[in-house]
Amino acid sequence: MIADVIRPGLEVLFCGINPGLVSEATGHHFARPGNRFWPALHLSGFTPSQFAPAEQEKLLELGLGITNVVARPSARADELTIDEMREGAIDLSEKVERYSPKVLAVLGVTVYRAAFNRKKTQVGAQQDTVGGARVWVLPNPSGLNAHWQLPALAEEFGRLKASL
C-alpha cells in the first residue's frame, strides 16, 4: 500500500483511481513516467515548479494532498471491480470526513461514476459532497488516457484552482 499524502484541513485532496505498479514499487503517487498529474498540477498553478513524485510530501505545505479510491495497485484501472470501487468510495467518504479537505478532486470521471453511482457525471464541479467536502471531477491524468492531452488537463486543473 502507498501511504496517503494527507493532513487535516487541506484545500484540495486529489484522489486517484488506484496506485499503478510503478507507484507501488516506488511508494510515490503518480510515479509512472507517462503520467501527467505532476505536469498538470504545475501548469495549472497549484505548484510553483513541477514536483517529482518523490517530492509528494511538499504538497502538504501548499494545502494539497493525495489519496486513492482503491488502495490495491494494478497495471490498469480497468482491472478493478465495481465492488472494489464502491467499497473504496465508502472508505474515501470516511477519510474525507475525518480530514476535512475543502475540495475532493477525483481524478477520473469513470471511477467517480462507478464508485459513487453517478452515471451521468461530467468533468468539473459537482453538486454532490463527499464527507462534507465539495467534489470536483478531473480527467484521469494517466498516459493511458489518450482523450486528454496535457494542455487540456492543465486547463481543467486550472478551473479547479480558480474556484478556490
C-alpha atoms as a PDB file:
ATOM      1  CA  MET A   1       0.000   0.000   0.000  1.00  0.00           C
ATOM      2  CA  ILE A   2       1.075   3.540  -0.714  1.00  0.00           C
ATOM      3  CA  ALA A   3       0.669   5.984   2.150  1.00  0.00           C
ATOM      4  CA  ASP A   4      -1.702   8.876   1.642  1.00  0.00           C
ATOM      5  CA  VAL A   5      -0.267  12.373   1.485  1.00  0.00           C
ATOM      6  CA  ILE A   6      -2.769  13.922   3.838  1.00  0.00           C
ATOM      7  CA  ARG A   7      -3.297  16.110   6.878  1.00  0.00           C
ATOM      8  CA  PRO A   8      -6.363  17.823   8.353  1.00  0.00           C
ATOM      9  CA  GLY A   9      -7.784  20.930   6.696  1.00  0.00           C
ATOM     10  CA  LEU A  10      -6.340  20.692   3.169  1.00  0.00           C
ATOM     11  CA  GLU A  11      -7.593  22.962   0.413  1.00  0.00           C
ATOM     12  CA  VAL A  12      -7.708  20.081  -2.087  1.00  0.00           C
ATOM     13  CA  LEU A  13      -7.379  16.346  -1.639  1.00  0.00           C
ATOM     14  CA  PHE A  14      -6.598  14.846  -5.049  1.00  0.00           C
ATOM     15  CA  CYS A  15      -7.936  11.321  -5.347  1.00  0.00           C
ATOM     16  CA  GLY A  16      -6.521   8.910  -7.896  1.00  0.00           C
ATOM     17  CA  ILE A  17      -8.264   5.743  -9.000  1.00  0.00           C
ATOM     18  CA  ASN A  18      -5.685   3.341  -7.532  1.00  0.00           C
ATOM     19  CA  PRO A  19      -1.893   3.081  -7.478  1.00  0.00           C
ATOM     20  CA  GLY A  20      -0.148   1.795 -10.561  1.00  0.00           C
ATOM     21  CA  LEU A  21       2.633  -0.756 -10.397  1.00  0.00           C
ATOM     22  CA  VAL A  22       5.395   1.875 -10.665  1.00  0.00           C
ATOM     23  CA  SER A  23       3.801   3.770  -7.789  1.00  0.00           C
ATOM     24  CA  GLU A  24       3.660   0.550  -5.792  1.00  0.00           C
ATOM     25  CA  ALA A  25       7.353  -0.098  -6.479  1.00  0.00           C
ATOM     26  CA  THR A  26       8.477   3.433  -5.575  1.00  0.00           C
ATOM     27  CA  GLY A  27       5.971   4.284  -2.836  1.00  0.00           C
ATOM     28  CA  HIS A  28       5.110   7.538  -4.632  1.00  0.00           C
ATOM     29  CA  HIS A  29       1.806   8.587  -6.164  1.00  0.00           C
ATOM     30  CA  PHE A  30       1.574   9.112  -9.943  1.00  0.00           C
ATOM     31  CA  ALA A  31       5.113   7.754 -10.373  1.00  0.00           C
ATOM     32  CA  ARG A  32       4.823   6.255 -13.868  1.00  0.00           C
ATOM     33  CA  PRO A  33       6.866   8.470 -16.217  1.00  0.00           C
ATOM     34  CA  GLY A  34       3.959   8.950 -18.673  1.00  0.00           C
ATOM     35  CA  ASN A  35       1.538  10.142 -16.004  1.00  0.00           C
ATOM     36  CA  ARG A  36       0.613  13.807 -16.449  1.00  0.00           C
ATOM     37  CA  PHE A  37      -0.504  14.555 -12.880  1.00  0.00           C
ATOM     38  CA  TRP A  38       2.659  16.391 -11.827  1.00  0.00           C
ATOM     39  CA  PRO A  39       2.969  18.483 -15.034  1.00  0.00           C
ATOM     40  CA  ALA A  40      -0.759  19.373 -14.964  1.00  0.00           C
ATOM     41  CA  LEU A  41      -0.529  20.345 -11.305  1.00  0.00           C
ATOM     42  CA  HIS A  42       2.299  22.742 -12.074  1.00  0.00           C
ATOM     43  CA  LEU A  43       0.949  24.161 -15.350  1.00  0.00           C
ATOM     44  CA  SER A  44      -2.371  24.936 -13.654  1.00  0.00           C
ATOM     45  CA  GLY A  45      -0.672  26.966 -10.920  1.00  0.00           C
ATOM     46  CA  PHE A  46      -1.075  24.589  -7.991  1.00  0.00           C
ATOM     47  CA  THR A  47       2.697  24.186  -7.559  1.00  0.00           C
ATOM     48  CA  PRO A  48       5.498  26.730  -8.083  1.00  0.00           C
ATOM     49  CA  SER A  49       7.560  24.175 -10.026  1.00  0.00           C
ATOM     50  CA  GLN A  50       6.971  20.708 -11.383  1.00  0.00           C
ATOM     51  CA  PHE A  51       7.415  18.341  -8.488  1.00  0.00           C
ATOM     52  CA  ALA A  52       8.806  14.857  -8.949  1.00  0.00           C
ATOM     53  CA  PRO A  53       6.791  12.024  -7.418  1.00  0.00           C
ATOM     54  CA  ALA A  54       9.468  11.684  -4.709  1.00  0.00           C
ATOM     55  CA  GLU A  55       8.625  15.257  -3.644  1.00  0.00           C
ATOM     56  CA  GLN A  56       4.968  14.477  -2.979  1.00  0.00           C
ATOM     57  CA  GLU A  57       5.188  15.466   0.700  1.00  0.00           C
ATOM     58  CA  LYS A  58       5.865  19.082  -0.387  1.00  0.00           C
ATOM     59  CA  LEU A  59       2.214  19.236  -1.430  1.00  0.00           C
ATOM     60  CA  LEU A  60       1.163  19.403   2.217  1.00  0.00           C
ATOM     61  CA  GLU A  61       2.902  22.787   2.568  1.00  0.00           C
ATOM     62  CA  LEU A  62       0.657  24.051  -0.252  1.00  0.00           C
ATOM     63  CA  GLY A  63      -2.548  22.717   1.317  1.00  0.00           C
ATOM     64  CA  LEU A  64      -2.762  19.801  -1.123  1.00  0.00           C
ATOM     65  CA  GLY A  65      -2.870  16.049  -0.610  1.00  0.00           C
ATOM     66  CA  ILE A  66      -3.246  12.741  -2.426  1.00  0.00           C
ATOM     67  CA  THR A  67      -5.206   9.564  -1.798  1.00  0.00           C
ATOM     68  CA  ASN A  68      -6.898   6.901  -3.939  1.00  0.00           C
ATOM     69  CA  VAL A  69     -10.377   5.445  -4.293  1.00  0.00           C
ATOM     70  CA  VAL A  70      -8.964   1.895  -4.212  1.00  0.00           C
ATOM     71  CA  ALA A  71      -5.750   1.046  -2.350  1.00  0.00           C
ATOM     72  CA  ARG A  72      -4.929  -2.098  -4.367  1.00  0.00           C
ATOM     73  CA  PRO A  73      -2.272  -1.492  -7.028  1.00  0.00           C
ATOM     74  CA  SER A  74      -2.833  -2.725 -10.566  1.00  0.00           C
ATOM     75  CA  ALA A  75      -1.349  -2.257 -14.017  1.00  0.00           C
ATOM     76  CA  ARG A  76      -4.588  -0.733 -15.314  1.00  0.00           C
ATOM     77  CA  ALA A  77      -7.623   0.759 -13.617  1.00  0.00           C
ATOM     78  CA  ASP A  78      -9.941  -1.475 -15.646  1.00  0.00           C
ATOM     79  CA  GLU A  79      -8.643  -4.408 -13.571  1.00  0.00           C
ATOM     80  CA  LEU A  80     -10.634  -3.116 -10.588  1.00  0.00           C
ATOM     81  CA  THR A  81     -14.071  -4.485  -9.808  1.00  0.00           C
ATOM     82  CA  ILE A  82     -17.159  -2.374  -9.263  1.00  0.00           C
ATOM     83  CA  ASP A  83     -17.326  -3.776  -5.720  1.00  0.00           C
ATOM     84  CA  GLU A  84     -13.778  -2.559  -5.011  1.00  0.00           C
ATOM     85  CA  MET A  85     -14.679   0.908  -6.273  1.00  0.00           C
ATOM     86  CA  ARG A  86     -17.901   1.090  -4.251  1.00  0.00           C
ATOM     87  CA  GLU A  87     -16.124  -0.124  -1.092  1.00  0.00           C
ATOM     88  CA  GLY A  88     -13.381   2.399  -1.805  1.00  0.00           C
ATOM     89  CA  ALA A  89     -15.977   5.160  -2.045  1.00  0.00           C
ATOM     90  CA  ILE A  90     -17.220   4.324   1.453  1.00  0.00           C
ATOM     91  CA  ASP A  91     -13.673   4.373   2.837  1.00  0.00           C
ATOM     92  CA  LEU A  92     -12.941   7.606   0.964  1.00  0.00           C
ATOM     93  CA  SER A  93     -16.044   9.282   2.381  1.00  0.00           C
ATOM     94  CA  GLU A  94     -14.944   8.376   5.899  1.00  0.00           C
ATOM     95  CA  LYS A  95     -11.407   9.637   5.234  1.00  0.00           C
ATOM     96  CA  VAL A  96     -12.699  12.943   3.859  1.00  0.00           C
ATOM     97  CA  GLU A  97     -14.980  13.368   6.851  1.00  0.00           C
ATOM     98  CA  ARG A  98     -12.026  12.697   9.192  1.00  0.00           C
ATOM     99  CA  TYR A  99      -9.541  15.054   7.468  1.00  0.00           C
ATOM    100  CA  SER A 100     -11.975  17.756   6.259  1.00  0.00           C
ATOM    101  CA  PRO A 101     -10.436  18.971   2.995  1.00  0.00           C
ATOM    102  CA  LYS A 102     -12.400  21.784   1.351  1.00  0.00           C
ATOM    103  CA  VAL A 103     -12.452  20.025  -2.028  1.00  0.00           C
ATOM    104  CA  LEU A 104     -12.170  16.390  -3.043  1.00  0.00           C
ATOM    105  CA  ALA A 105     -10.812  16.286  -6.601  1.00  0.00           C
ATOM    106  CA  VAL A 106     -11.447  12.848  -8.100  1.00  0.00           C
ATOM    107  CA  LEU A 107      -9.088  12.099 -10.989  1.00  0.00           C
ATOM    108  CA  GLY A 108     -11.257  10.145 -13.368  1.00  0.00           C
ATOM    109  CA  VAL A 109     -14.858  10.590 -14.401  1.00  0.00           C
ATOM    110  CA  THR A 110     -15.304   6.844 -14.973  1.00  0.00           C
ATOM    111  CA  VAL A 111     -14.224   5.891 -11.456  1.00  0.00           C
ATOM    112  CA  TYR A 112     -16.417   8.606  -9.945  1.00  0.00           C
ATOM    113  CA  ARG A 113     -19.421   7.374 -11.918  1.00  0.00           C
ATOM    114  CA  ALA A 114     -18.826   3.782 -10.831  1.00  0.00           C
ATOM    115  CA  ALA A 115     -17.745   4.311  -7.220  1.00  0.00           C
ATOM    116  CA  PHE A 116     -20.449   6.825  -6.338  1.00  0.00           C
ATOM    117  CA  ASN A 117     -23.165   5.525  -8.712  1.00  0.00           C
ATOM    118  CA  ARG A 118     -23.352   8.817 -10.619  1.00  0.00           C
ATOM    119  CA  LYS A 119     -23.806   7.586 -14.178  1.00  0.00           C
ATOM    120  CA  LYS A 120     -24.162  10.986 -15.862  1.00  0.00           C
ATOM    121  CA  THR A 121     -21.278  12.797 -14.180  1.00  0.00           C
ATOM    122  CA  GLN A 122     -19.162  15.080 -16.372  1.00  0.00           C
ATOM    123  CA  VAL A 123     -15.762  16.641 -15.672  1.00  0.00           C
ATOM    124  CA  GLY A 124     -15.962  19.723 -13.447  1.00  0.00           C
ATOM    125  CA  ALA A 125     -17.649  20.876 -10.251  1.00  0.00           C
ATOM    126  CA  GLN A 126     -20.323  18.547  -8.880  1.00  0.00           C
ATOM    127  CA  GLN A 127     -23.402  19.301  -6.842  1.00  0.00           C
ATOM    128  CA  ASP A 128     -22.523  16.331  -4.632  1.00  0.00           C
ATOM    129  CA  THR A 129     -20.459  16.468  -1.487  1.00  0.00           C
ATOM    130  CA  VAL A 130     -18.401  13.606  -0.103  1.00  0.00           C
ATOM    131  CA  GLY A 131     -17.723  13.543   3.614  1.00  0.00           C
ATOM    132  CA  GLY A 132     -18.642  17.230   3.741  1.00  0.00           C
ATOM    133  CA  ALA A 133     -16.210  18.317   1.001  1.00  0.00           C
ATOM    134  CA  ARG A 134     -17.136  19.859  -2.347  1.00  0.00           C
ATOM    135  CA  VAL A 135     -16.460  17.461  -5.202  1.00  0.00           C
ATOM    136  CA  TRP A 136     -14.665  18.307  -8.429  1.00  0.00           C
ATOM    137  CA  VAL A 137     -14.102  15.628 -11.054  1.00  0.00           C
ATOM    138  CA  LEU A 138     -10.962  15.958 -13.161  1.00  0.00           C
ATOM    139  CA  PRO A 139      -9.831  13.838 -16.100  1.00  0.00           C
ATOM    140  CA  ASN A 140      -7.620  10.865 -15.330  1.00  0.00           C
ATOM    141  CA  PRO A 141      -4.022  12.080 -15.915  1.00  0.00           C
ATOM    142  CA  SER A 142      -2.716   8.615 -16.805  1.00  0.00           C
ATOM    143  CA  GLY A 143      -0.755   8.418 -20.027  1.00  0.00           C
ATOM    144  CA  LEU A 144      -3.199   5.657 -20.993  1.00  0.00           C
ATOM    145  CA  ASN A 145      -5.979   8.275 -21.176  1.00  0.00           C
ATOM    146  CA  ALA A 146      -5.380   9.483 -24.736  1.00  0.00           C
ATOM    147  CA  HIS A 147      -8.603  11.530 -24.787  1.00  0.00           C
ATOM    148  CA  TRP A 148      -6.985  14.230 -22.636  1.00  0.00           C
ATOM    149  CA  GLN A 149      -3.662  15.753 -23.602  1.00  0.00           C
ATOM    150  CA  LEU A 150      -1.550  17.804 -21.187  1.00  0.00           C
ATOM    151  CA  PRO A 151      -2.768  21.295 -22.227  1.00  0.00           C
ATOM    152  CA  ALA A 152      -6.416  20.278 -21.751  1.00  0.00           C
ATOM    153  CA  LEU A 153      -5.621  18.554 -18.457  1.00  0.00           C
ATOM    154  CA  ALA A 154      -3.834  21.650 -17.176  1.00  0.00           C
ATOM    155  CA  GLU A 155      -6.810  23.778 -18.224  1.00  0.00           C
ATOM    156  CA  GLU A 156      -9.211  21.583 -16.227  1.00  0.00           C
ATOM    157  CA  PHE A 157      -6.897  21.597 -13.203  1.00  0.00           C
ATOM    158  CA  GLY A 158      -6.746  25.392 -13.619  1.00  0.00           C
ATOM    159  CA  ARG A 159     -10.539  25.656 -13.484  1.00  0.00           C
ATOM    160  CA  LEU A 160     -10.444  23.941 -10.100  1.00  0.00           C
ATOM    161  CA  LYS A 161      -7.599  26.204  -8.943  1.00  0.00           C
ATOM    162  CA  ALA A 162      -9.568  29.306  -9.983  1.00  0.00           C
ATOM    163  CA  SER A 163     -12.604  28.125  -7.985  1.00  0.00           C
ATOM    164  CA  LEU A 164     -10.742  28.078  -4.663  1.00  0.00           C
END
